[in-house]
Amino acid sequence: MKNLYRFTLRIPKSLQQKIKFTADFNCRSQNKEFEIAVKRYINDFERLYGTIEIKEDKS
């Protein structure tokens, strides 16, 4: 788990409730549901605009 980045996300309560609903529906944690949603967003972005190049973090 060393390469996992932790941060606080502030969202409207209604959005959190909807994420909870979809997470429960998919038998996932809310965290995993957010992760999957972000991955889909990034995949869609890269499909439209090309691959996002990231630099290796040496820390």
Protein backbone atom coordinates (compact mmCIF):
# COMPACT_ATOMS: atom_id res chain seq x y z
CA MET A 1 0.00 0.00 0.00
CA LYS A 2 3.04 2.24 -0.18
CA ASN A 3 2.04 3.72 -3.54
CA LEU A 4 -1.45 4.74 -2.37
CA TYR A 5 -2.04 8.46 -1.91
CA ARG A 6 -4.43 9.54 0.84
CA PHE A 7 -6.36 12.81 0.82
CA THR A 8 -9.59 14.29 2.09
CA LEU A 9 -12.38 14.88 -0.41
CA ARG A 10 -15.14 17.38 0.32
CA ILE A 11 -18.35 16.78 -1.59
CA PRO A 12 -22.02 17.64 -1.12
CA LYS A 13 -23.90 15.21 1.11
CA SER A 14 -26.26 14.35 -1.75
CA LEU A 15 -23.32 13.20 -3.91
CA GLN A 16 -21.96 11.09 -1.06
CA GLN A 17 -25.36 9.46 -0.64
CA LYS A 18 -25.50 8.63 -4.33
CA ILE A 19 -21.98 7.17 -4.25
CA LYS A 20 -23.00 5.09 -1.23
CA PHE A 21 -26.03 3.83 -3.17
CA THR A 22 -23.97 2.85 -6.22
CA ALA A 23 -21.24 1.30 -4.04
CA ASP A 24 -23.79 -0.80 -2.18
CA PHE A 25 -25.42 -1.80 -5.47
CA ASN A 26 -22.02 -2.93 -6.83
CA CYS A 27 -20.94 -4.58 -3.54
CA ARG A 28 -18.00 -2.18 -3.19
CA SER A 29 -16.74 0.26 -0.60
CA GLN A 30 -17.39 3.93 -1.24
CA ASN A 31 -13.65 4.41 -1.62
CA LYS A 32 -13.44 1.76 -4.35
CA GLU A 33 -16.51 3.26 -6.07
CA PHE A 34 -14.78 6.67 -6.17
CA GLU A 35 -11.58 5.07 -7.45
CA ILE A 36 -13.44 3.36 -10.30
CA ALA A 37 -15.31 6.57 -11.17
CA VAL A 38 -12.03 8.52 -11.33
CA LYS A 39 -10.40 5.83 -13.49
CA ARG A 40 -13.34 5.98 -15.91
CA TYR A 41 -13.08 9.78 -16.03
CA ILE A 42 -9.34 9.62 -16.76
CA ASN A 43 -9.85 6.93 -19.43
CA ASP A 44 -12.50 9.09 -21.12
CA PHE A 45 -10.23 12.15 -20.95
CA GLU A 46 -7.27 10.25 -22.43
CA ARG A 47 -9.44 8.80 -25.17
CA LEU A 48 -10.34 12.35 -26.22
CA TYR A 49 -7.04 14.16 -25.65
CA GLY A 50 -4.31 11.53 -25.53
CA THR A 51 -2.36 9.79 -22.83
CA ILE A 52 -1.38 11.80 -19.78
CA GLU A 53 2.33 11.39 -19.20
CA ILE A 54 3.35 11.29 -15.54
CA LYS A 55 6.81 11.55 -14.08
CA GLU A 56 8.12 8.96 -11.63
CA ASP A 57 8.01 10.16 -8.02
CA LYS A 58 11.42 9.52 -6.51
CA SER A 59 10.39 10.08 -2.89
